[in-house]
Amino acid sequence: MKTKETAESLPIVSKMPATTWVHDVLDPDQLSGFGRCKLGKGTLILFWGLRIYVVLMIFLVALSIWNTLHSGK
């Protein structure tokens, strides 16, 4: 797709609400009208497991940093 645009023709993002300029910038075939897709039970369990893993790792890293900072007595 060849277009020749100047700075004057581009939308000013900071002055427009996010929902307005997205629809102006994208072509109609780039917008999805289907909404969110429904995930299967296995996928939901996997995502929840990953969330729990991330929270656990954040806790362990914070604990490790805490122990490292306070071990120099």
N, C-alpha and C. Protein backbone atom coordinates (compact mmCIF):
# COMPACT_ATOMS: atom_id res chain seq x y z
N MET A 1 0.85 -1.17 0.00
CA MET A 1 0.00 0.00 0.00
C MET A 1 0.89 1.23 0.00
N LYS A 2 0.82 2.00 -1.04
CA LYS A 2 1.63 3.20 -1.14
C LYS A 2 0.77 4.41 -0.83
N THR A 3 1.18 5.12 0.18
CA THR A 3 0.49 6.37 0.51
C THR A 3 1.53 7.44 0.74
N LYS A 4 1.18 8.63 0.41
CA LYS A 4 2.06 9.75 0.64
C LYS A 4 1.37 10.67 1.62
N GLU A 5 1.80 10.58 2.88
CA GLU A 5 1.18 11.38 3.92
C GLU A 5 2.19 12.37 4.48
N THR A 6 1.70 13.49 4.84
CA THR A 6 2.55 14.48 5.49
C THR A 6 2.16 14.55 6.95
N ALA A 7 2.92 15.29 7.71
CA ALA A 7 2.64 15.42 9.14
C ALA A 7 1.29 16.10 9.37
N GLU A 8 0.86 16.94 8.44
CA GLU A 8 -0.41 17.63 8.61
C GLU A 8 -1.60 16.68 8.45
N SER A 9 -1.44 15.61 7.69
CA SER A 9 -2.57 14.72 7.44
C SER A 9 -2.72 13.63 8.50
N LEU A 10 -1.71 13.45 9.35
CA LEU A 10 -1.79 12.44 10.40
C LEU A 10 -2.60 12.96 11.57
N PRO A 11 -3.39 12.09 12.22
CA PRO A 11 -4.19 12.55 13.36
C PRO A 11 -3.31 12.88 14.56
N ILE A 12 -3.74 13.85 15.33
CA ILE A 12 -3.04 14.21 16.55
C ILE A 12 -3.62 13.36 17.67
N VAL A 13 -2.82 12.44 18.16
CA VAL A 13 -3.30 11.45 19.11
C VAL A 13 -3.60 12.06 20.47
N SER A 14 -2.80 13.00 20.90
CA SER A 14 -2.96 13.52 22.26
C SER A 14 -4.24 14.32 22.46
N LYS A 15 -4.82 14.86 21.40
CA LYS A 15 -6.03 15.68 21.54
C LYS A 15 -7.31 14.91 21.28
N MET A 16 -7.22 13.64 20.84
CA MET A 16 -8.40 12.86 20.51
C MET A 16 -8.57 11.72 21.51
N PRO A 17 -9.79 11.39 21.85
CA PRO A 17 -10.01 10.22 22.70
C PRO A 17 -9.54 8.94 22.00
N ALA A 18 -9.09 7.97 22.77
CA ALA A 18 -8.51 6.76 22.21
C ALA A 18 -9.50 6.00 21.32
N THR A 19 -10.75 5.93 21.71
CA THR A 19 -11.71 5.16 20.93
C THR A 19 -12.03 5.83 19.60
N THR A 20 -11.88 7.12 19.52
CA THR A 20 -12.22 7.84 18.29
C THR A 20 -11.14 7.67 17.23
N TRP A 21 -9.89 7.90 17.59
CA TRP A 21 -8.85 7.89 16.56
C TRP A 21 -8.51 6.50 16.08
N VAL A 22 -8.74 5.47 16.88
CA VAL A 22 -8.46 4.11 16.43
C VAL A 22 -9.37 3.76 15.25
N HIS A 23 -10.62 4.10 15.35
CA HIS A 23 -11.56 3.80 14.25
C HIS A 23 -11.26 4.66 13.02
N ASP A 24 -10.70 5.84 13.22
CA ASP A 24 -10.37 6.69 12.08
C ASP A 24 -9.11 6.22 11.36
N VAL A 25 -8.17 5.64 12.09
CA VAL A 25 -6.90 5.25 11.51
C VAL A 25 -6.99 3.89 10.81
N LEU A 26 -7.72 2.94 11.40
CA LEU A 26 -7.79 1.59 10.84
C LEU A 26 -8.81 1.50 9.72
N ASP A 27 -8.52 0.62 8.77
CA ASP A 27 -9.48 0.33 7.71
C ASP A 27 -10.61 -0.52 8.29
N PRO A 28 -11.79 -0.50 7.67
CA PRO A 28 -12.90 -1.30 8.19
C PRO A 28 -12.61 -2.80 8.29
N ASP A 29 -11.80 -3.34 7.35
CA ASP A 29 -11.50 -4.76 7.42
C ASP A 29 -10.48 -5.11 8.51
N GLN A 30 -9.85 -4.09 9.12
CA GLN A 30 -8.91 -4.33 10.21
C GLN A 30 -9.61 -4.35 11.57
N LEU A 31 -10.84 -3.91 11.63
CA LEU A 31 -11.58 -3.90 12.88
C LEU A 31 -12.32 -5.22 13.04
N SER A 32 -12.26 -5.77 14.22
CA SER A 32 -12.94 -7.03 14.49
C SER A 32 -14.32 -6.75 15.07
N GLY A 33 -15.32 -7.36 14.51
CA GLY A 33 -16.67 -7.19 15.01
C GLY A 33 -17.14 -8.37 15.84
N PHE A 34 -16.24 -9.29 16.15
CA PHE A 34 -16.63 -10.51 16.82
C PHE A 34 -16.52 -10.42 18.33
N GLY A 35 -15.79 -9.47 18.88
CA GLY A 35 -15.62 -9.37 20.33
C GLY A 35 -14.59 -10.38 20.81
N ARG A 36 -14.66 -10.68 22.09
CA ARG A 36 -13.71 -11.63 22.67
C ARG A 36 -14.07 -13.05 22.28
N CYS A 37 -13.03 -13.86 22.09
CA CYS A 37 -13.29 -15.26 21.79
C CYS A 37 -13.42 -16.04 23.11
N LYS A 38 -14.15 -17.10 23.08
CA LYS A 38 -14.34 -17.93 24.27
C LYS A 38 -13.25 -18.99 24.29
N LEU A 39 -12.55 -19.04 25.43
CA LEU A 39 -11.46 -19.98 25.57
C LEU A 39 -11.95 -21.27 26.19
N GLY A 40 -11.29 -22.36 25.86
CA GLY A 40 -11.65 -23.65 26.41
C GLY A 40 -11.21 -23.78 27.86
N LYS A 41 -11.68 -24.82 28.52
CA LYS A 41 -11.37 -25.04 29.92
C LYS A 41 -9.87 -25.26 30.14
N GLY A 42 -9.24 -26.02 29.25
CA GLY A 42 -7.80 -26.27 29.37
C GLY A 42 -6.97 -25.00 29.22
N THR A 43 -7.37 -24.14 28.30
CA THR A 43 -6.65 -22.89 28.10
C THR A 43 -6.80 -21.97 29.30
N LEU A 44 -8.01 -21.91 29.86
CA LEU A 44 -8.22 -21.09 31.05
C LEU A 44 -7.39 -21.59 32.23
N ILE A 45 -7.32 -22.91 32.40
CA ILE A 45 -6.50 -23.47 33.48
C ILE A 45 -5.03 -23.14 33.26
N LEU A 46 -4.58 -23.22 32.01
CA LEU A 46 -3.19 -22.88 31.69
C LEU A 46 -2.91 -21.41 32.01
N PHE A 47 -3.79 -20.51 31.60
CA PHE A 47 -3.58 -19.09 31.88
C PHE A 47 -3.59 -18.79 33.37
N TRP A 48 -4.50 -19.41 34.13
CA TRP A 48 -4.51 -19.20 35.58
C TRP A 48 -3.25 -19.76 36.21
N GLY A 49 -2.77 -20.89 35.72
CA GLY A 49 -1.51 -21.44 36.22
C GLY A 49 -0.35 -20.50 35.95
N LEU A 50 -0.32 -19.91 34.77
CA LEU A 50 0.74 -18.95 34.45
C LEU A 50 0.65 -17.70 35.32
N ARG A 51 -0.55 -17.24 35.61
CA ARG A 51 -0.71 -16.08 36.50
C ARG A 51 -0.19 -16.38 37.89
N ILE A 52 -0.55 -17.56 38.42
CA ILE A 52 -0.08 -17.95 39.75
C ILE A 52 1.45 -18.08 39.75
N TYR A 53 2.01 -18.66 38.69
CA TYR A 53 3.45 -18.80 38.57
C TYR A 53 4.14 -17.43 38.58
N VAL A 54 3.61 -16.48 37.84
CA VAL A 54 4.22 -15.15 37.77
C VAL A 54 4.18 -14.47 39.14
N VAL A 55 3.05 -14.56 39.83
CA VAL A 55 2.94 -13.95 41.16
C VAL A 55 3.92 -14.61 42.11
N LEU A 56 4.04 -15.94 42.05
CA LEU A 56 4.98 -16.66 42.91
C LEU A 56 6.41 -16.25 42.62
N MET A 57 6.77 -16.12 41.35
CA MET A 57 8.14 -15.72 40.99
C MET A 57 8.44 -14.29 41.42
N ILE A 58 7.47 -13.40 41.32
CA ILE A 58 7.68 -12.03 41.79
C ILE A 58 7.94 -12.04 43.29
N PHE A 59 7.17 -12.85 44.03
CA PHE A 59 7.37 -12.96 45.47
C PHE A 59 8.75 -13.52 45.79
N LEU A 60 9.18 -14.56 45.07
CA LEU A 60 10.49 -15.15 45.33
C LEU A 60 11.64 -14.21 44.99
N VAL A 61 11.51 -13.47 43.92
CA VAL A 61 12.55 -12.50 43.57
C VAL A 61 12.62 -11.39 44.61
N ALA A 62 11.45 -10.91 45.04
CA ALA A 62 11.44 -9.87 46.08
C ALA A 62 12.04 -10.41 47.38
N LEU A 63 11.73 -11.64 47.75
CA LEU A 63 12.30 -12.25 48.95
C LEU A 63 13.81 -12.41 48.82
N SER A 64 14.27 -12.79 47.66
CA SER A 64 15.71 -12.93 47.42
C SER A 64 16.42 -11.58 47.52
N ILE A 65 15.83 -10.55 46.97
CA ILE A 65 16.42 -9.21 47.07
C ILE A 65 16.43 -8.76 48.52
N TRP A 66 15.33 -9.00 49.23
CA TRP A 66 15.25 -8.62 50.65
C TRP A 66 16.35 -9.32 51.46
N ASN A 67 16.51 -10.63 51.24
CA ASN A 67 17.54 -11.38 51.96
C ASN A 67 18.95 -10.91 51.61
N THR A 68 19.17 -10.57 50.35
CA THR A 68 20.48 -10.10 49.93
C THR A 68 20.82 -8.75 50.57
N LEU A 69 19.85 -7.85 50.64
CA LEU A 69 20.08 -6.54 51.22
C LEU A 69 20.29 -6.60 52.73
N HIS A 70 19.66 -7.55 53.40
CA HIS A 70 19.74 -7.61 54.85
C HIS A 70 20.69 -8.68 55.39
N SER A 71 21.45 -9.32 54.53
CA SER A 71 22.37 -10.37 54.99
C SER A 71 23.74 -9.82 55.32
N GLY A 72 24.03 -8.59 55.02
CA GLY A 72 25.36 -8.01 55.27
C GLY A 72 25.52 -7.42 56.65
N LYS A 73 25.19 -8.18 57.69
CA LYS A 73 25.28 -7.65 59.06
C LYS A 73 26.68 -7.71 59.59
